[in-house]
């Protein structure tokens, strides 16, 4: 294995790690946060269907970013 591919692989792994961290932060911010606020009766995004819709959108965005990170990892060179 050439040294250049080692550097390239490490950069790819760092990028995937960054994307996965952003995905986790997205899920916590958009899914966990509003639902905790709702359960404690704190002001938040309305109630009922609004919370469900917002949660679903954030869940899909976080999942998409996570799968983007997995796609980036396919660029690793053996």
PDB file of N, CA and C in Angstrom:
ATOM      1  N   UNK A   1       0.845  -1.177   0.000  1.00  0.00           N
ATOM      2  CA  UNK A   1       0.000   0.000   0.000  1.00  0.00           C
ATOM      3  C   UNK A   1       0.888   1.237   0.000  1.00  0.00           C
ATOM      4  N   UNK A   2       0.550   2.151  -0.871  1.00  0.00           N
ATOM      5  CA  UNK A   2       1.325   3.389  -0.957  1.00  0.00           C
ATOM      6  C   UNK A   2       0.959   4.313   0.189  1.00  0.00           C
ATOM      7  N   UNK A   3       1.922   5.130   0.653  1.00  0.00           N
ATOM      8  CA  UNK A   3       1.623   6.069   1.747  1.00  0.00           C
ATOM      9  C   UNK A   3       0.521   7.068   1.388  1.00  0.00           C
ATOM     10  N   UNK A   4       0.418   7.436   0.116  1.00  0.00           N
ATOM     11  CA  UNK A   4      -0.590   8.418  -0.271  1.00  0.00           C
ATOM     12  C   UNK A   4      -2.000   7.883  -0.032  1.00  0.00           C
ATOM     13  N   UNK A   5      -2.208   6.576  -0.276  1.00  0.00           N
ATOM     14  CA  UNK A   5      -3.533   6.013  -0.052  1.00  0.00           C
ATOM     15  C   UNK A   5      -3.864   5.962   1.446  1.00  0.00           C
ATOM     16  N   UNK A   6      -2.834   5.838   2.293  1.00  0.00           N
ATOM     17  CA  UNK A   6      -3.076   5.878   3.737  1.00  0.00           C
ATOM     18  C   UNK A   6      -3.578   7.249   4.160  1.00  0.00           C
ATOM     19  N   UNK A   7      -2.961   8.287   3.633  1.00  0.00           N
ATOM     20  CA  UNK A   7      -3.386   9.652   3.948  1.00  0.00           C
ATOM     21  C   UNK A   7      -4.791   9.891   3.415  1.00  0.00           C
ATOM     22  N   UNK A   8      -5.040   9.442   2.200  1.00  0.00           N
ATOM     23  CA  UNK A   8      -6.366   9.610   1.594  1.00  0.00           C
ATOM     24  C   UNK A   8      -7.424   8.880   2.413  1.00  0.00           C
ATOM     25  N   UNK A   9      -7.119   7.656   2.839  1.00  0.00           N
ATOM     26  CA  UNK A   9      -8.069   6.894   3.651  1.00  0.00           C
ATOM     27  C   UNK A   9      -8.375   7.602   4.970  1.00  0.00           C
ATOM     28  N   UNK A  10      -7.360   8.150   5.592  1.00  0.00           N
ATOM     29  CA  UNK A  10      -7.579   8.851   6.860  1.00  0.00           C
ATOM     30  C   UNK A  10      -8.439  10.098   6.661  1.00  0.00           C
ATOM     31  N   UNK A  11      -8.226  10.800   5.570  1.00  0.00           N
ATOM     32  CA  UNK A  11      -9.053  11.975   5.283  1.00  0.00           C
ATOM     33  C   UNK A  11     -10.498  11.580   5.032  1.00  0.00           C
ATOM     34  N   UNK A  12     -10.694  10.480   4.342  1.00  0.00           N
ATOM     35  CA  UNK A  12     -12.051   9.992   4.084  1.00  0.00           C
ATOM     36  C   UNK A  12     -12.720   9.602   5.396  1.00  0.00           C
ATOM     37  N   UNK A  13     -11.983   8.928   6.281  1.00  0.00           N
ATOM     38  CA  UNK A  13     -12.555   8.530   7.565  1.00  0.00           C
ATOM     39  C   UNK A  13     -12.892   9.743   8.426  1.00  0.00           C
ATOM     40  N   UNK A  14     -12.034  10.764   8.388  1.00  0.00           N
ATOM     41  CA  UNK A  14     -12.319  11.984   9.147  1.00  0.00           C
ATOM     42  C   UNK A  14     -13.572  12.692   8.621  1.00  0.00           C
ATOM     43  N   UNK A  15     -13.709  12.717   7.309  1.00  0.00           N
ATOM     44  CA  UNK A  15     -14.898  13.339   6.717  1.00  0.00           C
ATOM     45  C   UNK A  15     -16.161  12.573   7.098  1.00  0.00           C
ATOM     46  N   UNK A  16     -16.098  11.249   7.036  1.00  0.00           N
ATOM     47  CA  UNK A  16     -17.251  10.430   7.408  1.00  0.00           C
ATOM     48  C   UNK A  16     -17.584  10.615   8.886  1.00  0.00           C
ATOM     49  N   UNK A  17     -16.563  10.727   9.717  1.00  0.00           N
ATOM     50  CA  UNK A  17     -16.782  10.947  11.145  1.00  0.00           C
ATOM     51  C   UNK A  17     -17.458  12.293  11.395  1.00  0.00           C
ATOM     52  N   UNK A  18     -17.010  13.321  10.690  1.00  0.00           N
ATOM     53  CA  UNK A  18     -17.629  14.639  10.813  1.00  0.00           C
ATOM     54  C   UNK A  18     -19.099  14.583  10.414  1.00  0.00           C
ATOM     55  N   UNK A  19     -19.384  13.959   9.289  1.00  0.00           N
ATOM     56  CA  UNK A  19     -20.774  13.862   8.828  1.00  0.00           C
ATOM     57  C   UNK A  19     -21.639  13.079   9.808  1.00  0.00           C
ATOM     58  N   UNK A  20     -21.098  12.011  10.370  1.00  0.00           N
ATOM     59  CA  UNK A  20     -21.866  11.212  11.314  1.00  0.00           C
ATOM     60  C   UNK A  20     -22.125  11.990  12.604  1.00  0.00           C
ATOM     61  N   UNK A  21     -21.170  12.812  13.027  1.00  0.00           N
ATOM     62  CA  UNK A  21     -21.370  13.650  14.208  1.00  0.00           C
ATOM     63  C   UNK A  21     -22.444  14.699  13.947  1.00  0.00           C
ATOM     64  N   UNK A  22     -22.439  15.278  12.755  1.00  0.00           N
ATOM     65  CA  UNK A  22     -23.479  16.245  12.386  1.00  0.00           C
ATOM     66  C   UNK A  22     -24.843  15.550  12.352  1.00  0.00           C
ATOM     67  N   UNK A  23     -24.880  14.322  11.865  1.00  0.00           N
ATOM     68  CA  UNK A  23     -26.138  13.569  11.832  1.00  0.00           C
ATOM     69  C   UNK A  23     -26.661  13.332  13.248  1.00  0.00           C
ATOM     70  N   UNK A  24     -25.783  12.963  14.172  1.00  0.00           N
ATOM     71  CA  UNK A  24     -26.198  12.734  15.551  1.00  0.00           C
ATOM     72  C   UNK A  24     -26.697  14.030  16.190  1.00  0.00           C
ATOM     73  N   UNK A  25     -25.994  15.128  15.942  1.00  0.00           N
ATOM     74  CA  UNK A  25     -26.419  16.420  16.486  1.00  0.00           C
ATOM     75  C   UNK A  25     -27.767  16.841  15.902  1.00  0.00           C
ATOM     76  N   UNK A  26     -27.989  16.546  14.640  1.00  0.00           N
ATOM     77  CA  UNK A  26     -29.258  16.857  14.002  1.00  0.00           C
ATOM     78  C   UNK A  26     -30.396  16.084  14.659  1.00  0.00           C
ATOM     79  N   UNK A  27     -30.155  14.813  14.921  1.00  0.00           N
ATOM     80  CA  UNK A  27     -31.190  13.997  15.563  1.00  0.00           C
ATOM     81  C   UNK A  27     -31.491  14.486  16.972  1.00  0.00           C
ATOM     82  N   UNK A  28     -30.457  14.811  17.727  1.00  0.00           N
ATOM     83  CA  UNK A  28     -30.683  15.284  19.096  1.00  0.00           C
ATOM     84  C   UNK A  28     -31.416  16.621  19.083  1.00  0.00           C
ATOM     85  N   UNK A  29     -31.000  17.520  18.207  1.00  0.00           N
ATOM     86  CA  UNK A  29     -31.605  18.845  18.157  1.00  0.00           C
ATOM     87  C   UNK A  29     -33.046  18.800  17.665  1.00  0.00           C
ATOM     88  N   UNK A  30     -33.294  18.043  16.620  1.00  0.00           N
ATOM     89  CA  UNK A  30     -34.606  18.080  15.993  1.00  0.00           C
ATOM     90  C   UNK A  30     -35.594  17.041  16.462  1.00  0.00           C
ATOM     91  N   UNK A  31     -35.113  15.971  17.080  1.00  0.00           N
ATOM     92  CA  UNK A  31     -36.023  14.899  17.491  1.00  0.00           C
ATOM     93  C   UNK A  31     -36.124  14.837  19.012  1.00  0.00           C
ATOM     94  N   UNK A  32     -35.002  14.704  19.672  1.00  0.00           N
ATOM     95  CA  UNK A  32     -35.015  14.525  21.124  1.00  0.00           C
ATOM     96  C   UNK A  32     -35.418  15.815  21.834  1.00  0.00           C
ATOM     97  N   UNK A  33     -34.818  16.931  21.431  1.00  0.00           N
ATOM     98  CA  UNK A  33     -35.092  18.213  22.095  1.00  0.00           C
ATOM     99  C   UNK A  33     -36.551  18.606  22.133  1.00  0.00           C
ATOM    100  N   UNK A  34     -37.214  18.689  20.990  1.00  0.00           N
ATOM    101  CA  UNK A  34     -38.635  19.077  21.006  1.00  0.00           C
ATOM    102  C   UNK A  34     -39.528  18.106  21.780  1.00  0.00           C
ATOM    103  N   UNK A  35     -39.217  16.828  21.722  1.00  0.00           N
ATOM    104  CA  UNK A  35     -40.045  15.857  22.442  1.00  0.00           C
ATOM    105  C   UNK A  35     -39.853  15.960  23.954  1.00  0.00           C
ATOM    106  N   UNK A  36     -38.649  16.263  24.396  1.00  0.00           N
ATOM    107  CA  UNK A  36     -38.428  16.484  25.822  1.00  0.00           C
ATOM    108  C   UNK A  36     -39.140  17.760  26.254  1.00  0.00           C
ATOM    109  N   UNK A  37     -39.029  18.814  25.448  1.00  0.00           N
ATOM    110  CA  UNK A  37     -39.724  20.070  25.766  1.00  0.00           C
ATOM    111  C   UNK A  37     -41.227  19.839  25.845  1.00  0.00           C
ATOM    112  N   UNK A  38     -41.746  19.062  24.928  1.00  0.00           N
ATOM    113  CA  UNK A  38     -43.182  18.777  24.922  1.00  0.00           C
ATOM    114  C   UNK A  38     -43.594  17.991  26.160  1.00  0.00           C
ATOM    115  N   UNK A  39     -42.765  17.030  26.569  1.00  0.00           N
ATOM    116  CA  UNK A  39     -43.115  16.205  27.726  1.00  0.00           C
ATOM    117  C   UNK A  39     -43.065  16.990  29.030  1.00  0.00           C
ATOM    118  N   UNK A  40     -42.255  18.052  29.098  1.00  0.00           N
ATOM    119  CA  UNK A  40     -42.190  18.888  30.296  1.00  0.00           C
ATOM    120  C   UNK A  40     -43.126  20.099  30.218  1.00  0.00           C
ATOM    121  N   UNK A  41     -43.838  20.220  29.135  1.00  0.00           N
ATOM    122  CA  UNK A  41     -44.773  21.318  28.990  1.00  0.00           C
ATOM    123  C   UNK A  41     -44.107  22.660  28.702  1.00  0.00           C
ATOM    124  N   UNK A  42     -42.878  22.621  28.198  1.00  0.00           N
ATOM    125  CA  UNK A  42     -42.170  23.854  27.858  1.00  0.00           C
ATOM    126  C   UNK A  42     -42.651  24.378  26.514  1.00  0.00           C
ATOM    127  N   UNK A  43     -42.466  25.679  26.256  1.00  0.00           N
ATOM    128  CA  UNK A  43     -42.896  26.205  24.955  1.00  0.00           C
ATOM    129  C   UNK A  43     -42.106  25.549  23.836  1.00  0.00           C
ATOM    130  N   UNK A  44     -42.803  25.189  22.793  1.00  0.00           N
ATOM    131  CA  UNK A  44     -42.154  24.524  21.672  1.00  0.00           C
ATOM    132  C   UNK A  44     -42.994  24.654  20.429  1.00  0.00           C
ATOM    133  N   UNK A  45     -42.778  23.761  19.506  1.00  0.00           N
ATOM    134  CA  UNK A  45     -43.467  23.845  18.217  1.00  0.00           C
ATOM    135  C   UNK A  45     -44.898  23.334  18.261  1.00  0.00           C
ATOM    136  N   UNK A  46     -45.775  24.055  18.886  1.00  0.00           N
ATOM    137  CA  UNK A  46     -47.191  23.669  18.888  1.00  0.00           C
ATOM    138  C   UNK A  46     -47.412  22.335  19.558  1.00  0.00           C
ATOM    139  N   UNK A  47     -48.330  21.579  19.044  1.00  0.00           N
ATOM    140  CA  UNK A  47     -48.593  20.266  19.609  1.00  0.00           C
ATOM    141  C   UNK A  47     -49.160  19.347  18.552  1.00  0.00           C
ATOM    142  N   UNK A  48     -49.276  18.097  18.900  1.00  0.00           N
ATOM    143  CA  UNK A  48     -49.899  17.119  18.025  1.00  0.00           C
ATOM    144  C   UNK A  48     -49.165  16.898  16.716  1.00  0.00           C
ATOM    145  N   UNK A  49     -49.865  17.184  15.619  1.00  0.00           N
ATOM    146  CA  UNK A  49     -49.326  16.904  14.289  1.00  0.00           C
ATOM    147  C   UNK A  49     -48.095  17.748  13.953  1.00  0.00           C
ATOM    148  N   UNK A  50     -48.014  18.964  14.478  1.00  0.00           N
ATOM    149  CA  UNK A  50     -46.857  19.818  14.189  1.00  0.00           C
ATOM    150  C   UNK A  50     -45.589  19.191  14.730  1.00  0.00           C
ATOM    151  N   UNK A  51     -45.629  18.702  15.956  1.00  0.00           N
ATOM    152  CA  UNK A  51     -44.449  18.062  16.554  1.00  0.00           C
ATOM    153  C   UNK A  51     -44.100  16.792  15.789  1.00  0.00           C
ATOM    154  N   UNK A  52     -45.098  16.031  15.422  1.00  0.00           N
ATOM    155  CA  UNK A  52     -44.862  14.797  14.676  1.00  0.00           C
ATOM    156  C   UNK A  52     -44.212  15.094  13.324  1.00  0.00           C
ATOM    157  N   UNK A  53     -44.711  16.086  12.629  1.00  0.00           N
ATOM    158  CA  UNK A  53     -44.160  16.438  11.325  1.00  0.00           C
ATOM    159  C   UNK A  53     -42.727  16.958  11.445  1.00  0.00           C
ATOM    160  N   UNK A  54     -42.491  17.843  12.401  1.00  0.00           N
ATOM    161  CA  UNK A  54     -41.144  18.383  12.598  1.00  0.00           C
ATOM    162  C   UNK A  54     -40.175  17.264  12.976  1.00  0.00           C
ATOM    163  N   UNK A  55     -40.608  16.386  13.867  1.00  0.00           N
ATOM    164  CA  UNK A  55     -39.766  15.255  14.273  1.00  0.00           C
ATOM    165  C   UNK A  55     -39.430  14.370  13.084  1.00  0.00           C
ATOM    166  N   UNK A  56     -40.411  14.093  12.254  1.00  0.00           N
ATOM    167  CA  UNK A  56     -40.191  13.240  11.084  1.00  0.00           C
ATOM    168  C   UNK A  56     -39.211  13.886  10.106  1.00  0.00           C
ATOM    169  N   UNK A  57     -39.354  15.177   9.866  1.00  0.00           N
ATOM    170  CA  UNK A  57     -38.441  15.869   8.943  1.00  0.00           C
ATOM    171  C   UNK A  57     -37.015  15.827   9.474  1.00  0.00           C
ATOM    172  N   UNK A  58     -36.825  16.154  10.759  1.00  0.00           N
ATOM    173  CA  UNK A  58     -35.481  16.132  11.333  1.00  0.00           C
ATOM    174  C   UNK A  58     -34.905  14.721  11.347  1.00  0.00           C
ATOM    175  N   UNK A  59     -35.747  13.741  11.598  1.00  0.00           N
ATOM    176  CA  UNK A  59     -35.297  12.352  11.582  1.00  0.00           C
ATOM    177  C   UNK A  59     -34.809  11.957  10.193  1.00  0.00           C
ATOM    178  N   UNK A  60     -35.548  12.353   9.171  1.00  0.00           N
ATOM    179  CA  UNK A  60     -35.138  12.041   7.797  1.00  0.00           C
ATOM    180  C   UNK A  60     -33.849  12.768   7.409  1.00  0.00           C
ATOM    181  N   UNK A  61     -33.716  14.025   7.826  1.00  0.00           N
ATOM    182  CA  UNK A  61     -32.498  14.782   7.516  1.00  0.00           C
ATOM    183  C   UNK A  61     -31.292  14.149   8.210  1.00  0.00           C
ATOM    184  N   UNK A  62     -31.435  13.817   9.489  1.00  0.00           N
ATOM    185  CA  UNK A  62     -30.332  13.178  10.219  1.00  0.00           C
ATOM    186  C   UNK A  62     -29.955  11.838   9.618  1.00  0.00           C
ATOM    187  N   UNK A  63     -30.957  11.066   9.225  1.00  0.00           N
ATOM    188  CA  UNK A  63     -30.684   9.767   8.600  1.00  0.00           C
ATOM    189  C   UNK A  63     -29.998   9.933   7.254  1.00  0.00           C
ATOM    190  N   UNK A  64     -30.414  10.925   6.480  1.00  0.00           N
ATOM    191  CA  UNK A  64     -29.786  11.175   5.175  1.00  0.00           C
ATOM    192  C   UNK A  64     -28.316  11.550   5.344  1.00  0.00           C
ATOM    193  N   UNK A  65     -28.019  12.378   6.330  1.00  0.00           N
ATOM    194  CA  UNK A  65     -26.620  12.759   6.566  1.00  0.00           C
ATOM    195  C   UNK A  65     -25.812  11.544   7.009  1.00  0.00           C
ATOM    196  N   UNK A  66     -26.401  10.694   7.851  1.00  0.00           N
ATOM    197  CA  UNK A  66     -25.709   9.475   8.285  1.00  0.00           C
ATOM    198  C   UNK A  66     -25.398   8.567   7.092  1.00  0.00           C
ATOM    199  N   UNK A  67     -26.371   8.388   6.208  1.00  0.00           N
ATOM    200  CA  UNK A  67     -26.133   7.536   5.041  1.00  0.00           C
ATOM    201  C   UNK A  67     -25.160   8.180   4.055  1.00  0.00           C
ATOM    202  N   UNK A  68     -25.086   9.504   4.042  1.00  0.00           N
ATOM    203  CA  UNK A  68     -24.062  10.179   3.256  1.00  0.00           C
ATOM    204  C   UNK A  68     -22.679   9.838   3.801  1.00  0.00           C
ATOM    205  N   UNK A  69     -22.551   9.792   5.116  1.00  0.00           N
ATOM    206  CA  UNK A  69     -21.278   9.406   5.731  1.00  0.00           C
ATOM    207  C   UNK A  69     -20.905   7.978   5.336  1.00  0.00           C
ATOM    208  N   UNK A  70     -21.886   7.101   5.325  1.00  0.00           N
ATOM    209  CA  UNK A  70     -21.607   5.716   4.910  1.00  0.00           C
ATOM    210  C   UNK A  70     -21.186   5.660   3.440  1.00  0.00           C
ATOM    211  N   UNK A  71     -21.800   6.495   2.624  1.00  0.00           N
ATOM    212  CA  UNK A  71     -21.442   6.545   1.200  1.00  0.00           C
ATOM    213  C   UNK A  71     -20.007   7.050   1.028  1.00  0.00           C
ATOM    214  N   UNK A  72     -19.620   8.033   1.830  1.00  0.00           N
ATOM    215  CA  UNK A  72     -18.255   8.584   1.747  1.00  0.00           C
ATOM    216  C   UNK A  72     -17.243   7.484   2.066  1.00  0.00           C
ATOM    217  N   UNK A  73     -17.560   6.604   2.982  1.00  0.00           N
ATOM    218  CA  UNK A  73     -16.643   5.533   3.376  1.00  0.00           C
ATOM    219  C   UNK A  73     -16.399   4.529   2.244  1.00  0.00           C
ATOM    220  N   UNK A  74     -17.282   4.496   1.262  1.00  0.00           N
ATOM    221  CA  UNK A  74     -17.053   3.593   0.131  1.00  0.00           C
ATOM    222  C   UNK A  74     -15.849   4.010  -0.700  1.00  0.00           C
ATOM    223  N   UNK A  75     -15.339   5.220  -0.477  1.00  0.00           N
ATOM    224  CA  UNK A  75     -14.182   5.698  -1.203  1.00  0.00           C
ATOM    225  C   UNK A  75     -12.857   5.216  -0.653  1.00  0.00           C
ATOM    226  N   UNK A  76     -12.894   4.410   0.425  1.00  0.00           N
ATOM    227  CA  UNK A  76     -11.662   3.906   1.002  1.00  0.00           C
ATOM    228  C   UNK A  76     -10.965   2.959   0.029  1.00  0.00           C
ATOM    229  N   UNK A  77      -9.647   3.056   0.011  1.00  0.00           N
ATOM    230  CA  UNK A  77      -8.832   2.226  -0.879  1.00  0.00           C
ATOM    231  C   UNK A  77      -8.186   1.132  -0.049  1.00  0.00           C
ATOM    232  N   UNK A  78      -8.311  -0.136  -0.463  1.00  0.00           N
ATOM    233  CA  UNK A  78      -7.688  -1.239   0.305  1.00  0.00           C
ATOM    234  C   UNK A  78      -6.178  -1.200   0.244  1.00  0.00           C
TER     235      UNK A  78
END
